[in-house]
């Protein structure tokens, strides 16, 4: 397993080295480490989870190259090329591709969640945990800078009933409410739910401070 992960990391380092949107190689490693921590308590195939975590954001690179939204499903052919060069069975490859294709499902999106295998659920949890808390806040504003999303537009209403990855929010603060603040209740495993509590509370404190400073109250 270690050799496979090292090989894959070497292959994707250059692909992600220029990313400044919060989807860089460090994000991939954090998601992998968190996913493996969850796996220790929740079970599942450790290799499938680790490899899926390292490769889950290849569609982000494709999006940067094309300038158009790309879903995880669109990255499957390129990911298969990487997997074909490793000592993996066809079943393992298919399970990894399945995890990646369905890792961006939310219970607050129009389609909701459709998968139930523990490997995909853990990948979802690990990826979402890295989107909240102190690191998540930093990543969110980095994303906004790259894609020219304004920090806050108080004149715009919070009117998104369901979340869609292909649609950008009018501001980063809007994104907190359309997605990030909902992720705590979107966690699948008990381990991730416990981990999300502290990160969620930190975001609540941050937003409280943000609005107080915005109004000039402190």
Protein backbone atom coordinates (compact mmCIF):
# COMPACT_ATOMS: atom_id res chain seq x y z
CA UNK A 1 0.00 0.00 0.00
CA UNK A 2 2.76 2.46 0.93
CA UNK A 3 4.54 1.92 -2.39
CA UNK A 4 1.33 2.47 -4.36
CA UNK A 5 0.57 5.70 -2.50
CA UNK A 6 4.11 6.99 -2.98
CA UNK A 7 3.95 6.23 -6.72
CA UNK A 8 0.63 8.01 -7.11
CA UNK A 9 1.78 11.01 -5.11
CA UNK A 10 4.80 11.43 -7.39
CA UNK A 11 2.55 11.29 -10.45
CA UNK A 12 0.12 13.94 -9.24
CA UNK A 13 2.48 16.38 -7.50
CA UNK A 14 3.20 18.32 -10.70
CA UNK A 15 -0.47 18.38 -11.65
CA UNK A 16 -1.38 20.13 -8.39
CA UNK A 17 1.74 22.23 -7.76
CA UNK A 18 0.27 25.44 -9.24
CA UNK A 19 -3.10 25.23 -7.49
CA UNK A 20 -3.85 28.13 -5.14
CA UNK A 21 -7.58 27.47 -4.73
CA UNK A 22 -7.25 25.17 -1.71
CA UNK A 23 -7.26 22.00 -3.79
CA UNK A 24 -3.51 21.42 -3.75
CA UNK A 25 -1.42 18.37 -2.86
CA UNK A 26 -1.58 19.30 0.83
CA UNK A 27 -5.36 19.15 0.72
CA UNK A 28 -5.18 15.68 -0.83
CA UNK A 29 -2.78 14.48 1.86
CA UNK A 30 -4.90 15.93 4.67
CA UNK A 31 -8.01 14.26 3.28
CA UNK A 32 -6.14 10.97 3.03
CA UNK A 33 -4.88 11.21 6.61
CA UNK A 34 -8.30 12.11 7.99
CA UNK A 35 -9.93 9.36 5.93
CA UNK A 36 -7.52 6.79 7.32
CA UNK A 37 -8.16 8.03 10.85
CA UNK A 38 -11.89 7.54 10.30
CA UNK A 39 -11.27 4.13 8.73
CA UNK A 40 -9.50 2.91 11.85
CA UNK A 41 -12.74 3.30 13.78
CA UNK A 42 -15.37 2.74 11.10
CA UNK A 43 -13.82 -0.02 8.97
CA UNK A 44 -13.68 -0.29 5.20
CA UNK A 45 -10.89 -1.09 2.78
CA UNK A 46 -7.87 0.98 3.80
CA UNK A 47 -6.20 0.87 0.37
CA UNK A 48 -9.35 1.89 -1.51
CA UNK A 49 -9.93 4.79 0.86
CA UNK A 50 -6.34 6.06 0.77
CA UNK A 51 -5.95 5.93 -3.02
CA UNK A 52 -9.37 7.50 -3.56
CA UNK A 53 -8.46 10.36 -1.25
CA UNK A 54 -5.22 11.09 -3.10
CA UNK A 55 -6.96 11.15 -6.49
CA UNK A 56 -10.37 12.60 -5.66
CA UNK A 57 -9.78 16.14 -6.95
CA UNK A 58 -8.33 15.53 -10.40
CA UNK A 59 -11.47 17.10 -11.86
CA UNK A 60 -10.40 20.39 -10.26
CA UNK A 61 -7.26 20.42 -12.40
CA UNK A 62 -9.33 19.69 -15.50
CA UNK A 63 -11.60 22.57 -14.54
CA UNK A 64 -8.64 24.93 -14.23
CA UNK A 65 -7.37 23.87 -17.65
CA UNK A 66 -10.70 24.21 -19.46
CA UNK A 67 -12.22 27.10 -17.55
CA UNK A 68 -15.46 25.11 -17.34
CA UNK A 69 -17.08 23.22 -14.50
CA UNK A 70 -16.05 19.56 -14.37
CA UNK A 71 -17.72 16.91 -12.25
CA UNK A 72 -15.75 14.11 -10.57
CA UNK A 73 -17.24 11.69 -13.11
CA UNK A 74 -15.47 13.52 -15.93
CA UNK A 75 -12.10 12.78 -14.34
CA UNK A 76 -12.63 9.00 -14.26
CA UNK A 77 -10.81 8.22 -17.57
CA UNK A 78 -7.68 10.12 -16.47
CA UNK A 79 -7.73 8.53 -13.04
CA UNK A 80 -8.05 5.08 -14.60
CA UNK A 81 -4.86 5.76 -16.58
CA UNK A 82 -3.03 6.40 -13.32
CA UNK A 83 -4.51 3.32 -11.66
CA UNK A 84 -3.66 1.10 -14.63
CA UNK A 85 0.03 1.72 -13.99
CA UNK A 86 -0.20 0.40 -10.41
CA UNK A 87 -0.39 -3.13 -9.04
CA UNK A 88 -4.13 -3.11 -8.44
CA UNK A 89 -6.83 -5.58 -9.32
CA UNK A 90 -9.70 -4.59 -11.58
CA UNK A 91 -12.08 -4.78 -8.62
CA UNK A 92 -9.88 -2.42 -6.61
CA UNK A 93 -9.69 0.03 -9.52
CA UNK A 94 -13.45 0.02 -9.98
CA UNK A 95 -14.03 0.56 -6.26
CA UNK A 96 -11.62 3.52 -6.23
CA UNK A 97 -13.30 5.05 -9.27
CA UNK A 98 -16.69 4.58 -7.64
CA UNK A 99 -15.58 6.44 -4.50
CA UNK A 100 -14.25 9.34 -6.52
CA UNK A 101 -17.25 9.61 -8.83
CA UNK A 102 -19.69 9.89 -5.91
CA UNK A 103 -17.65 11.76 -3.31
CA UNK A 104 -19.42 15.09 -3.92
CA UNK A 105 -22.89 14.12 -2.73
CA UNK A 106 -24.75 16.18 -0.12
CA UNK A 107 -28.00 15.68 1.70
CA UNK A 108 -28.78 19.34 0.98
CA UNK A 109 -28.38 19.05 -2.80
CA UNK A 110 -31.23 18.35 -5.22
CA UNK A 111 -30.27 14.69 -5.71
CA UNK A 112 -29.27 13.98 -2.13
CA UNK A 113 -27.07 10.99 -1.35
CA UNK A 114 -27.25 7.82 -3.42
CA UNK A 115 -24.39 5.65 -2.16
CA UNK A 116 -24.03 3.58 0.98
CA UNK A 117 -20.64 1.81 0.77
CA UNK A 118 -18.39 2.70 3.69
CA UNK A 119 -15.39 3.64 1.52
CA UNK A 120 -17.27 6.37 -0.36
CA UNK A 121 -18.97 7.59 2.81
CA UNK A 122 -15.59 7.95 4.52
CA UNK A 123 -14.12 9.82 1.56
CA UNK A 124 -17.11 12.18 1.62
CA UNK A 125 -16.60 12.78 5.34
CA UNK A 126 -12.85 13.38 5.10
CA UNK A 127 -13.19 15.78 2.19
CA UNK A 128 -15.96 17.69 3.93
CA UNK A 129 -14.03 17.89 7.20
CA UNK A 130 -11.21 19.67 5.36
CA UNK A 131 -13.77 22.19 4.10
CA UNK A 132 -14.67 23.37 7.61
CA UNK A 133 -12.82 24.70 10.63
CA UNK A 134 -9.70 26.88 10.50
CA UNK A 135 -8.22 25.23 7.43
CA UNK A 136 -11.61 25.21 5.73
CA UNK A 137 -12.00 28.96 6.25
CA UNK A 138 -8.57 29.58 4.76
CA UNK A 139 -9.29 27.34 1.79
CA UNK A 140 -12.63 29.03 1.16
CA UNK A 141 -11.13 32.50 0.89
CA UNK A 142 -8.28 31.17 -1.27
CA UNK A 143 -10.91 29.69 -3.59
CA UNK A 144 -12.72 33.02 -3.72
CA UNK A 145 -9.54 34.86 -4.65
CA UNK A 146 -8.74 32.50 -7.51
CA UNK A 147 -12.29 32.51 -8.93
CA UNK A 148 -12.96 36.22 -8.25
CA UNK A 149 -15.76 35.63 -5.76
CA UNK A 150 -16.28 38.66 -3.54
CA UNK A 151 -15.80 38.36 0.20
CA UNK A 152 -19.27 39.57 1.18
CA UNK A 153 -22.21 41.20 -0.56
CA UNK A 154 -24.78 42.07 2.15
CA UNK A 155 -27.31 43.28 -0.41
CA UNK A 156 -27.61 39.77 -1.87
CA UNK A 157 -30.14 37.47 -0.17
CA UNK A 158 -29.44 33.99 1.15
CA UNK A 159 -31.87 32.32 -1.24
CA UNK A 160 -30.30 29.01 -2.27
CA UNK A 161 -32.71 26.24 -1.37
CA UNK A 162 -30.46 23.43 -2.62
CA UNK A 163 -26.72 23.30 -3.19
CA UNK A 164 -25.13 22.73 -6.60
CA UNK A 165 -21.34 22.51 -7.02
CA UNK A 166 -21.60 23.94 -10.54
CA UNK A 167 -23.10 27.22 -9.31
CA UNK A 168 -20.97 29.78 -7.48
CA UNK A 169 -22.39 31.77 -4.59
CA UNK A 170 -22.47 35.57 -4.89
CA UNK A 171 -19.92 35.88 -2.08
CA UNK A 172 -17.75 33.76 0.18
CA UNK A 173 -19.94 34.49 3.19
CA UNK A 174 -22.92 33.25 1.19
CA UNK A 175 -20.94 30.06 0.58
CA UNK A 176 -20.59 29.54 4.32
CA UNK A 177 -24.36 29.36 4.60
CA UNK A 178 -25.13 27.48 1.39
CA UNK A 179 -22.59 24.74 2.11
CA UNK A 180 -20.02 24.94 4.91
CA UNK A 181 -22.39 25.47 7.83
CA UNK A 182 -24.48 22.53 6.61
CA UNK A 183 -21.64 20.03 6.46
CA UNK A 184 -21.73 19.12 10.17
CA UNK A 185 -25.16 17.55 9.66
CA UNK A 186 -24.05 16.00 6.38
CA UNK A 187 -21.44 13.70 7.96
CA UNK A 188 -21.99 9.98 7.47
CA UNK A 189 -19.95 8.29 10.20
CA UNK A 190 -20.07 8.80 13.95
CA UNK A 191 -16.33 9.46 13.96
CA UNK A 192 -16.68 12.29 11.45
CA UNK A 193 -19.69 13.72 13.26
CA UNK A 194 -17.60 14.01 16.42
CA UNK A 195 -14.69 15.56 14.54
CA UNK A 196 -16.99 18.07 12.85
CA UNK A 197 -18.34 19.52 16.10
CA UNK A 198 -15.24 21.50 17.06
CA UNK A 199 -14.64 22.73 13.51
CA UNK A 200 -18.25 23.83 13.15
CA UNK A 201 -18.15 25.80 16.40
CA UNK A 202 -15.00 27.56 15.24
CA UNK A 203 -16.80 28.68 12.08
CA UNK A 204 -19.73 29.94 14.13
CA UNK A 205 -17.35 32.07 16.20
CA UNK A 206 -15.61 33.29 13.05
CA UNK A 207 -18.86 34.40 11.42
CA UNK A 208 -19.97 36.15 14.58
CA UNK A 209 -16.70 38.07 14.67
CA UNK A 210 -16.88 38.78 10.93
CA UNK A 211 -20.29 40.44 11.13
CA UNK A 212 -19.36 42.41 14.24
CA UNK A 213 -16.25 43.75 12.53
CA UNK A 214 -18.17 44.40 9.30
CA UNK A 215 -20.63 46.61 11.18
CA UNK A 216 -17.79 48.35 13.00
CA UNK A 217 -19.11 47.19 16.36
CA UNK A 218 -15.75 46.06 17.74
